[in-house]
Amino acid sequence: MKPIRSLACVLALVVLSLSLAAVPAQAATANISLSPAQGPAGTTVTATGTGFPKKSSGTLTAGTGTAAFKVSASGYFTATLVIPQTTQPVVDVQATAGTVPASAVFTVVAAPAPPPPTPAISSSPLRFGVGTPGGPLASAELDQAASLAGEAPSVILSYKDFNQAPPVPELDAARSRGATTLLTWEPWAWGGGTEQPAYALDRITAGDFDPYLRQWGAALASWGHPVMLRFGHEMNGNWYPWAESINGNGPGDYAAAWRHVHDVVAGTGATNITWVWNPNVPYWGSTPLDGLYPGPGYVDAVALDGYNWGTSAAWSSWIAPAELFGPGLAELRRLAPGKQVLIAETSSAEHGGSKADWNTALISYLAAQADVTAVVWFNFNKETDWRINSSTSSATALAAALAARPH
């Protein structure tokens, strides 16, 4: 019986072998992938293929675009082509080598809108400047202000107190934008209030801060490019500790401190500084300017800060630009004849009148003043919304007024 079983096993193996031989060998599958797989028409796409006849030649097509390719010894290729213009949502990208095809779909998306043109700095004799919360390093804030105004600022306002190092990176940032920094240097410690005896004016004059002053002077001299420096601005008010009416200061102390700071800084060789003497617009009860002015040899330019508070505060009312700035400009011209004048901070509230009309009147009024060389917008939402775009009408009016001023 054993031979019979052995014969049966042999027959079974023969049948199985014949059955396997009847099954065709599985052919390798060719495929391609795209990078990127979507984008606008005109995109350059790289196709990567595998599983194609080895060492064969092939063609890649996408609509009317074609590219030839060579398959490697491992059945691999890469090729690039440009997706043609089309109205269809997808484009079929096909690769064929010999008789072996493969395809992949490229999804067509709308091209992104081109960015708006970058506003340029105006050639107007009345320069446009801006101050924003982030200062010269806040590119997005400055870009937005330029877009709203329709021109890039040529003056960028910044603030430093007596505890901060010379802001050379900020000066570089402003200069890279084609702008000059209007650097506000405040002799106090931020957040310390108006009574800060350590920063009394007579201590500055006595030389307590001379090492610090020399540090600033040396850094600005080494930097070497033009910078406008306004030390102790709005000194005729009573809201800063360098005012003569508070913090133990007395008449004559401010001018003496200014002259001392100027001399120490100038002694470092910082001839690139434009010294800007900058009171607030005079108001009833403010300190008279005559005693605060350090003299023509210590000042290169003069400036005013002035705001239309409208009815945003209980004590305020709407005031036109000519009424706001006219008396102060007359004072500056009397005290500092022949000096250039800047409006170093200004804006208007929305409450109490039309801010759009005020913006238009401001630029028209200042552009008619031959000695006023710059107007710097205080683009902050602070005591009220001083920003250019506190309303759409405000931004539209300012851009139109700037565009209309003489160039």
Protein backbone atom coordinates (compact mmCIF):
# COMPACT_ATOMS: atom_id res chain seq x y z
CA MET A 1 0.00 0.00 0.00
CA LYS A 2 2.89 2.45 0.55
CA PRO A 3 3.82 2.73 -3.16
CA ILE A 4 0.24 3.63 -4.00
CA ARG A 5 0.29 6.52 -1.41
CA SER A 6 3.63 7.76 -2.78
CA LEU A 7 2.30 7.84 -6.31
CA ALA A 8 -0.71 9.85 -5.18
CA CYS A 9 1.55 12.41 -3.52
CA VAL A 10 3.62 12.80 -6.65
CA LEU A 11 0.52 13.32 -8.76
CA ALA A 12 -0.75 16.00 -6.32
CA LEU A 13 2.52 17.90 -6.51
CA VAL A 14 2.48 17.84 -10.30
CA VAL A 15 -1.06 19.21 -10.40
CA LEU A 16 -0.15 22.00 -7.94
CA SER A 17 2.92 23.00 -9.98
CA LEU A 18 0.89 23.17 -13.17
CA SER A 19 -1.71 25.34 -11.43
CA LEU A 20 0.93 27.79 -10.17
CA ALA A 21 2.52 27.98 -13.58
CA ALA A 22 -0.82 29.05 -15.01
CA VAL A 23 -0.92 32.18 -12.76
CA PRO A 24 0.81 35.14 -14.51
CA ALA A 25 3.57 37.04 -12.62
CA GLN A 26 2.31 40.27 -10.97
CA ALA A 27 3.68 43.27 -12.86
CA ALA A 28 5.32 46.12 -10.89
CA THR A 29 2.98 49.17 -10.43
CA ALA A 30 4.25 52.55 -11.71
CA ASN A 31 3.22 55.73 -9.89
CA ILE A 32 4.15 59.40 -9.64
CA SER A 33 3.89 61.98 -6.89
CA LEU A 34 3.87 65.78 -7.25
CA SER A 35 5.53 68.48 -5.20
CA PRO A 36 3.71 70.73 -4.71
CA ALA A 37 0.40 69.04 -5.43
CA GLN A 38 -1.56 72.29 -5.54
CA GLY A 39 -1.06 75.94 -6.36
CA PRO A 40 -1.90 78.56 -8.97
CA ALA A 41 -1.38 78.06 -12.67
CA GLY A 42 2.23 78.80 -13.49
CA THR A 43 3.53 76.77 -10.54
CA THR A 44 6.67 74.72 -11.23
CA VAL A 45 6.00 71.14 -10.16
CA THR A 46 8.50 68.35 -9.51
CA ALA A 47 7.20 64.88 -10.43
CA THR A 48 8.83 61.84 -8.84
CA GLY A 49 8.17 58.44 -10.48
CA THR A 50 8.83 54.84 -9.40
CA GLY A 51 8.15 51.46 -10.98
CA PHE A 52 8.85 52.46 -14.59
CA PRO A 53 10.82 50.37 -17.13
CA LYS A 54 14.45 50.57 -16.16
CA LYS A 55 16.75 52.81 -18.22
CA SER A 56 13.89 53.84 -20.47
CA SER A 57 12.97 57.30 -21.80
CA GLY A 58 9.68 58.97 -20.97
CA THR A 59 7.54 62.08 -21.25
CA LEU A 60 5.78 64.06 -18.55
CA THR A 61 2.73 66.06 -19.66
CA ALA A 62 0.32 68.49 -18.03
CA GLY A 63 -2.09 70.06 -20.48
CA THR A 64 0.06 71.74 -23.12
CA GLY A 65 3.21 71.45 -21.00
CA THR A 66 5.68 68.60 -21.56
CA ALA A 67 9.04 67.51 -20.20
CA ALA A 68 11.27 64.57 -21.11
CA PHE A 69 12.83 62.30 -18.48
CA LYS A 70 15.17 59.29 -18.17
CA VAL A 71 14.37 56.36 -15.90
CA SER A 72 17.19 55.11 -13.68
CA ALA A 73 18.37 51.51 -13.35
CA SER A 74 16.01 51.17 -10.40
CA GLY A 75 12.92 52.45 -12.28
CA TYR A 76 13.05 55.94 -10.69
CA PHE A 77 12.91 59.40 -12.27
CA THR A 78 12.35 63.05 -11.39
CA ALA A 79 11.28 65.79 -13.79
CA THR A 80 9.88 69.30 -13.55
CA LEU A 81 7.34 71.17 -15.60
CA VAL A 82 5.17 74.26 -15.31
CA ILE A 83 1.43 73.93 -14.80
CA PRO A 84 -0.12 75.79 -17.77
CA GLN A 85 -2.86 78.40 -17.56
CA THR A 86 -6.26 76.74 -17.26
CA THR A 87 -9.82 77.38 -16.19
CA GLN A 88 -10.19 73.84 -14.83
CA PRO A 89 -9.98 73.12 -11.09
CA VAL A 90 -7.55 70.22 -11.61
CA VAL A 91 -4.83 69.29 -14.10
CA ASP A 92 -3.97 65.65 -14.85
CA VAL A 93 -0.19 65.20 -14.84
CA GLN A 94 0.81 62.07 -16.78
CA ALA A 95 4.12 60.23 -17.06
CA THR A 96 4.69 57.58 -19.75
CA ALA A 97 7.82 55.49 -20.27
CA GLY A 98 7.58 52.80 -22.95
CA THR A 99 4.10 51.38 -22.55
CA VAL A 100 3.89 52.08 -18.82
CA PRO A 101 1.76 55.10 -17.76
CA ALA A 102 1.03 56.72 -14.43
CA SER A 103 -0.72 59.93 -13.44
CA ALA A 104 -1.39 62.28 -10.53
CA VAL A 105 -3.74 65.22 -10.04
CA PHE A 106 -2.57 68.80 -9.49
CA THR A 107 -5.22 71.01 -7.83
CA VAL A 108 -5.38 74.55 -9.21
CA VAL A 109 -5.98 77.30 -6.64
CA ALA A 110 -6.34 81.03 -7.16
CA ALA A 111 -3.11 82.99 -7.10
CA PRO A 112 -2.76 85.18 -3.97
CA ALA A 113 -3.49 88.83 -4.49
CA PRO A 114 -0.31 90.83 -4.96
CA PRO A 115 0.65 92.85 -1.87
CA PRO A 116 -0.22 96.53 -2.01
CA PRO A 117 2.67 98.73 -3.08
CA THR A 118 4.83 99.91 -0.20
CA PRO A 119 4.12 103.59 0.44
CA ALA A 120 7.09 105.82 -0.25
CA ILE A 121 8.39 108.71 1.82
CA SER A 122 6.96 111.97 0.54
CA SER A 123 9.14 114.75 -0.85
CA SER A 124 6.92 117.40 0.75
CA PRO A 125 8.65 120.13 2.78
CA LEU A 126 6.21 119.19 5.55
CA ARG A 127 7.46 115.78 6.63
CA PHE A 128 5.04 113.17 7.97
CA GLY A 129 6.07 111.32 11.12
CA VAL A 130 4.46 108.89 13.51
CA GLY A 131 4.83 107.47 17.00
CA THR A 132 3.40 104.04 17.83
CA PRO A 133 3.36 102.02 21.08
CA GLY A 134 6.11 99.67 19.90
CA GLY A 135 8.45 102.39 18.65
CA PRO A 136 10.92 102.01 15.78
CA LEU A 137 11.22 98.22 16.15
CA ALA A 138 7.46 97.67 15.70
CA SER A 139 7.50 97.06 11.95
CA ALA A 140 3.87 95.97 11.71
CA GLU A 141 2.66 99.11 13.53
CA LEU A 142 4.75 101.36 11.29
CA ASP A 143 3.65 99.51 8.15
CA GLN A 144 0.01 99.94 9.16
CA ALA A 145 0.49 103.65 9.83
CA ALA A 146 2.16 104.07 6.45
CA SER A 147 -0.68 102.23 4.73
CA LEU A 148 -3.30 104.38 6.48
CA ALA A 149 -1.50 107.64 5.74
CA GLY A 150 -0.69 106.69 2.17
CA GLU A 151 3.02 107.39 2.73
CA ALA A 152 5.87 106.06 4.83
CA PRO A 153 6.85 108.18 7.82
CA SER A 154 10.13 110.04 7.46
CA VAL A 155 10.22 110.72 11.22
CA ILE A 156 9.69 108.00 13.85
CA LEU A 157 9.02 109.05 17.43
CA SER A 158 10.46 107.05 20.35
CA TYR A 159 10.77 107.39 24.14
CA LYS A 160 13.49 106.45 26.65
CA ASP A 161 13.85 107.26 30.34
CA PHE A 162 17.06 107.79 32.34
CA ASN A 163 17.39 104.06 33.11
CA GLN A 164 17.68 102.89 29.51
CA ALA A 165 20.71 102.35 27.34
CA PRO A 166 21.21 104.24 24.08
CA PRO A 167 18.73 102.61 21.65
CA VAL A 168 21.11 101.92 18.77
CA PRO A 169 19.06 98.96 17.40
CA GLU A 170 16.01 101.25 17.23
CA LEU A 171 18.01 103.95 15.48
CA ASP A 172 19.16 101.34 12.96
CA ALA A 173 15.58 100.13 12.44
CA ALA A 174 14.30 103.65 11.72
CA ARG A 175 17.22 104.38 9.40
CA SER A 176 16.59 101.14 7.48
CA ARG A 177 13.14 102.54 6.67
CA GLY A 178 14.60 105.81 5.41
CA ALA A 179 13.39 107.65 8.52
CA THR A 180 15.03 109.81 11.17
CA THR A 181 14.39 109.05 14.85
CA LEU A 182 12.88 111.77 17.03
CA LEU A 183 14.29 110.38 20.27
CA THR A 184 12.55 111.58 23.43
CA TRP A 185 14.92 111.44 26.41
CA GLU A 186 13.03 111.70 29.70
CA PRO A 187 14.98 112.44 32.92
CA TRP A 188 12.99 110.21 35.28
CA ALA A 189 12.16 106.58 36.01
CA TRP A 190 9.05 105.45 34.20
CA GLY A 191 6.19 104.66 36.55
CA GLY A 192 7.64 106.65 39.45
CA GLY A 193 5.21 109.56 39.36
CA THR A 194 5.93 113.28 39.32
CA GLU A 195 7.77 113.43 42.66
CA GLN A 196 11.14 111.77 42.04
CA PRO A 197 13.83 113.65 44.00
CA ALA A 198 16.58 111.47 42.55
CA TYR A 199 15.88 113.13 39.20
CA ALA A 200 15.48 116.72 40.40
CA LEU A 201 16.86 119.19 37.87
CA ASP A 202 19.57 120.52 40.19
CA ARG A 203 20.96 116.98 40.58
CA ILE A 204 21.30 116.74 36.80
CA THR A 205 23.07 120.11 36.69
CA ALA A 206 25.34 119.09 39.59
CA GLY A 207 26.68 116.20 37.53
CA ASP A 208 25.05 113.24 39.28
CA PHE A 209 24.20 111.70 35.89
CA ASP A 210 27.32 112.66 33.96
CA PRO A 211 28.60 109.08 33.45
CA TYR A 212 25.23 108.14 32.03
CA LEU A 213 25.13 111.25 29.83
CA ARG A 214 28.59 110.44 28.49
CA GLN A 215 27.52 106.87 27.77
CA TRP A 216 24.68 108.16 25.62
CA GLY A 217 26.84 110.77 23.93
CA ALA A 218 29.57 108.27 23.06
CA ALA A 219 27.05 105.76 21.71
CA LEU A 220 25.28 108.34 19.54
CA ALA A 221 28.61 109.71 18.31
CA SER A 222 29.78 106.21 17.43
CA TRP A 223 26.52 105.50 15.61
CA GLY A 224 27.22 108.59 13.56
CA HIS A 225 23.96 109.18 11.67
CA PRO A 226 21.49 112.04 12.14
CA VAL A 227 19.22 111.78 15.16
CA MET A 228 16.84 114.34 16.64
CA LEU A 229 17.04 114.40 20.44
CA ARG A 230 14.32 116.08 22.49
CA PHE A 231 15.33 116.20 26.13
CA GLY A 232 12.68 116.76 28.81
CA HIS A 233 9.75 117.65 26.53
CA GLU A 234 6.57 119.47 27.64
CA MET A 235 8.56 121.14 30.42
CA ASN A 236 6.05 124.01 30.67
CA GLY A 237 3.38 121.69 32.06
CA ASN A 238 3.12 120.08 35.49
CA TRP A 239 2.84 116.37 34.65
CA TYR A 240 6.55 115.45 34.51
CA PRO A 241 9.14 115.66 37.33
CA TRP A 242 11.35 117.96 35.25
CA ALA A 243 8.73 120.73 35.38
CA GLU A 244 9.90 123.72 37.41
CA SER A 245 6.71 123.82 39.49
CA ILE A 246 7.15 120.35 41.07
CA ASN A 247 9.71 117.82 42.37
CA GLY A 248 11.67 120.47 44.25
CA ASN A 249 12.59 122.34 41.08
CA GLY A 250 12.63 126.11 40.83
CA PRO A 251 12.81 128.90 38.23
CA GLY A 252 15.83 128.59 35.96
CA ASP A 253 16.51 124.96 36.86
CA TYR A 254 15.26 123.53 33.58
CA ALA A 255 17.38 125.73 31.29
CA ALA A 256 20.44 125.07 33.48
CA ALA A 257 19.89 121.30 33.32
CA TRP A 258 19.39 121.46 29.55
CA ARG A 259 22.65 123.34 29.06
CA HIS A 260 24.53 120.89 31.26
CA VAL A 261 23.15 117.83 29.44
CA HIS A 262 23.92 119.44 26.10
CA ASP A 263 27.51 120.26 27.06
CA VAL A 264 28.31 116.82 28.49
CA VAL A 265 26.86 114.99 25.47
CA ALA A 266 28.46 117.40 22.99
CA GLY A 267 31.78 116.85 24.77
CA THR A 268 31.76 113.23 23.57
CA GLY A 269 31.88 114.37 19.94
CA ALA A 270 28.21 113.65 19.16
CA THR A 271 27.88 116.25 16.41
CA ASN A 272 25.20 114.20 14.64
CA ILE A 273 22.51 115.27 17.14
CA THR A 274 19.82 117.83 16.36
CA TRP A 275 18.80 119.20 19.77
CA VAL A 276 15.02 119.74 19.81
CA TRP A 277 13.55 122.02 22.51
CA ASN A 278 9.92 121.00 22.83
CA PRO A 279 7.30 122.63 25.10
CA ASN A 280 3.62 121.81 25.13
CA VAL A 281 1.32 124.34 23.45
CA PRO A 282 0.97 127.14 26.04
CA TYR A 283 -2.24 127.10 28.08
CA TRP A 284 -3.67 129.13 30.95
CA GLY A 285 -1.44 128.44 33.94
CA SER A 286 1.46 126.90 32.05
CA THR A 287 5.02 127.99 32.85
CA PRO A 288 6.10 130.92 30.64
CA LEU A 289 8.51 129.80 27.95
CA ASP A 290 11.05 132.64 28.29
CA GLY A 291 12.64 131.22 31.44
CA LEU A 292 12.70 127.68 30.05
CA TYR A 293 14.58 128.44 26.83
CA PRO A 294 18.30 127.57 27.19
CA GLY A 295 19.48 129.90 24.44
CA PRO A 296 20.11 129.70 20.70
CA GLY A 297 23.55 128.10 21.06
CA TYR A 298 22.00 125.10 22.81
CA VAL A 299 19.05 124.46 20.51
CA ASP A 300 18.98 123.37 16.86
CA ALA A 301 15.22 123.04 16.37
CA VAL A 302 12.08 123.84 18.35
CA ALA A 303 8.84 121.91 18.58
CA LEU A 304 5.33 121.90 20.00
CA ASP A 305 3.11 119.13 21.31
CA GLY A 306 -0.60 119.82 21.04
CA TYR A 307 -3.81 117.79 21.02
CA ASN A 308 -7.45 118.47 20.29
CA TRP A 309 -9.09 116.72 23.24
CA GLY A 310 -12.55 117.69 22.02
CA THR A 311 -15.10 116.71 24.64
CA SER A 312 -13.27 113.49 25.60
CA ALA A 313 -12.33 115.01 28.98
CA ALA A 314 -14.49 116.92 31.45
CA TRP A 315 -12.27 120.02 31.20
CA SER A 316 -11.81 120.08 27.40
CA SER A 317 -13.61 121.42 24.35
CA TRP A 318 -13.15 121.24 20.61
CA ILE A 319 -10.31 123.41 19.28
CA ALA A 320 -9.31 124.06 15.68
CA PRO A 321 -5.69 123.48 14.59
CA ALA A 322 -4.94 127.17 14.03
CA GLU A 323 -6.26 128.05 17.48
CA LEU A 324 -4.38 125.14 19.06
CA PHE A 325 -0.98 125.87 17.53
CA GLY A 326 -1.07 129.52 16.50
CA PRO A 327 -0.13 131.13 19.86
CA GLY A 328 2.63 128.58 20.53
CA LEU A 329 4.14 129.02 17.06
CA ALA A 330 4.24 132.76 17.63
CA GLU A 331 6.08 132.21 20.93
CA LEU A 332 8.63 129.89 19.34
CA ARG A 333 9.32 132.34 16.53
CA ARG A 334 9.85 135.12 19.06
CA LEU A 335 12.17 133.06 21.26
CA ALA A 336 14.02 131.16 18.54
CA PRO A 337 13.86 133.14 15.31
CA GLY A 338 15.10 131.26 12.28
CA LYS A 339 14.96 127.81 13.91
CA GLN A 340 13.07 125.03 12.16
CA VAL A 341 9.82 124.03 13.90
CA LEU A 342 8.36 120.56 14.36
CA ILE A 343 4.96 119.48 15.60
CA ALA A 344 6.37 116.58 17.61
CA GLU A 345 3.10 115.13 18.92
CA THR A 346 -0.44 115.76 17.78
CA SER A 347 -3.81 114.17 17.16
CA SER A 348 -7.50 114.73 17.76
CA ALA A 349 -10.22 113.03 19.73
CA GLU A 350 -13.34 111.85 17.94
CA HIS A 351 -15.70 113.37 20.51
CA GLY A 352 -17.02 116.89 20.08
CA GLY A 353 -16.66 117.44 16.35
CA SER A 354 -15.49 115.93 13.08
CA LYS A 355 -12.01 114.42 13.43
CA ALA A 356 -11.90 114.00 9.65
CA ASP A 357 -12.42 117.73 9.14
CA TRP A 358 -9.86 118.48 11.86
CA ASN A 359 -7.24 116.29 10.15
CA THR A 360 -7.79 118.10 6.87
CA ALA A 361 -7.53 121.51 8.51
CA LEU A 362 -4.40 120.50 10.46
CA ILE A 363 -2.36 119.50 7.43
CA SER A 364 -3.57 122.48 5.41
CA TYR A 365 -2.67 124.87 8.23
CA LEU A 366 0.77 123.41 8.92
CA ALA A 367 1.70 123.11 5.25
CA ALA A 368 1.14 126.87 4.96
CA GLN A 369 3.74 127.54 7.71
CA ALA A 370 7.08 127.84 5.92
CA ASP A 371 9.17 127.11 9.02
CA VAL A 372 7.22 124.01 10.12
CA THR A 373 9.18 121.05 8.77
CA ALA A 374 7.36 118.03 10.26
CA VAL A 375 4.12 116.86 11.82
CA VAL A 376 4.31 113.69 13.93
CA TRP A 377 1.10 111.78 14.59
CA PHE A 378 0.67 110.25 18.06
CA ASN A 379 -0.83 106.94 16.92
CA PHE A 380 -1.86 105.63 20.35
CA ASN A 381 -5.15 104.57 21.89
CA LYS A 382 -4.35 106.07 25.26
CA GLU A 383 -6.31 108.79 27.10
CA THR A 384 -8.68 108.62 24.13
CA ASP A 385 -8.34 107.06 20.71
CA TRP A 386 -5.71 109.25 19.07
CA ARG A 387 -5.00 106.78 16.28
CA ILE A 388 -5.16 107.64 12.59
CA ASN A 389 -7.82 104.97 12.14
CA SER A 390 -9.95 105.77 15.17
CA SER A 391 -12.55 105.96 12.43
CA THR A 392 -12.50 105.23 8.71
CA SER A 393 -13.31 108.87 7.97
CA SER A 394 -10.34 110.02 10.06
CA ALA A 395 -7.89 107.81 8.16
CA THR A 396 -9.34 108.71 4.77
CA ALA A 397 -9.18 112.42 5.51
CA LEU A 398 -5.59 112.36 6.78
CA ALA A 399 -4.35 110.40 3.76
CA ALA A 400 -6.13 112.80 1.39
CA ALA A 401 -4.80 115.86 3.20
CA LEU A 402 -1.23 114.57 3.15
CA ALA A 403 -1.50 113.76 -0.55
CA ALA A 404 -2.84 117.27 -1.27
CA ARG A 405 -0.11 119.23 0.53
CA PRO A 406 2.60 120.88 -1.57
CA HIS A 407 5.42 118.58 -2.71
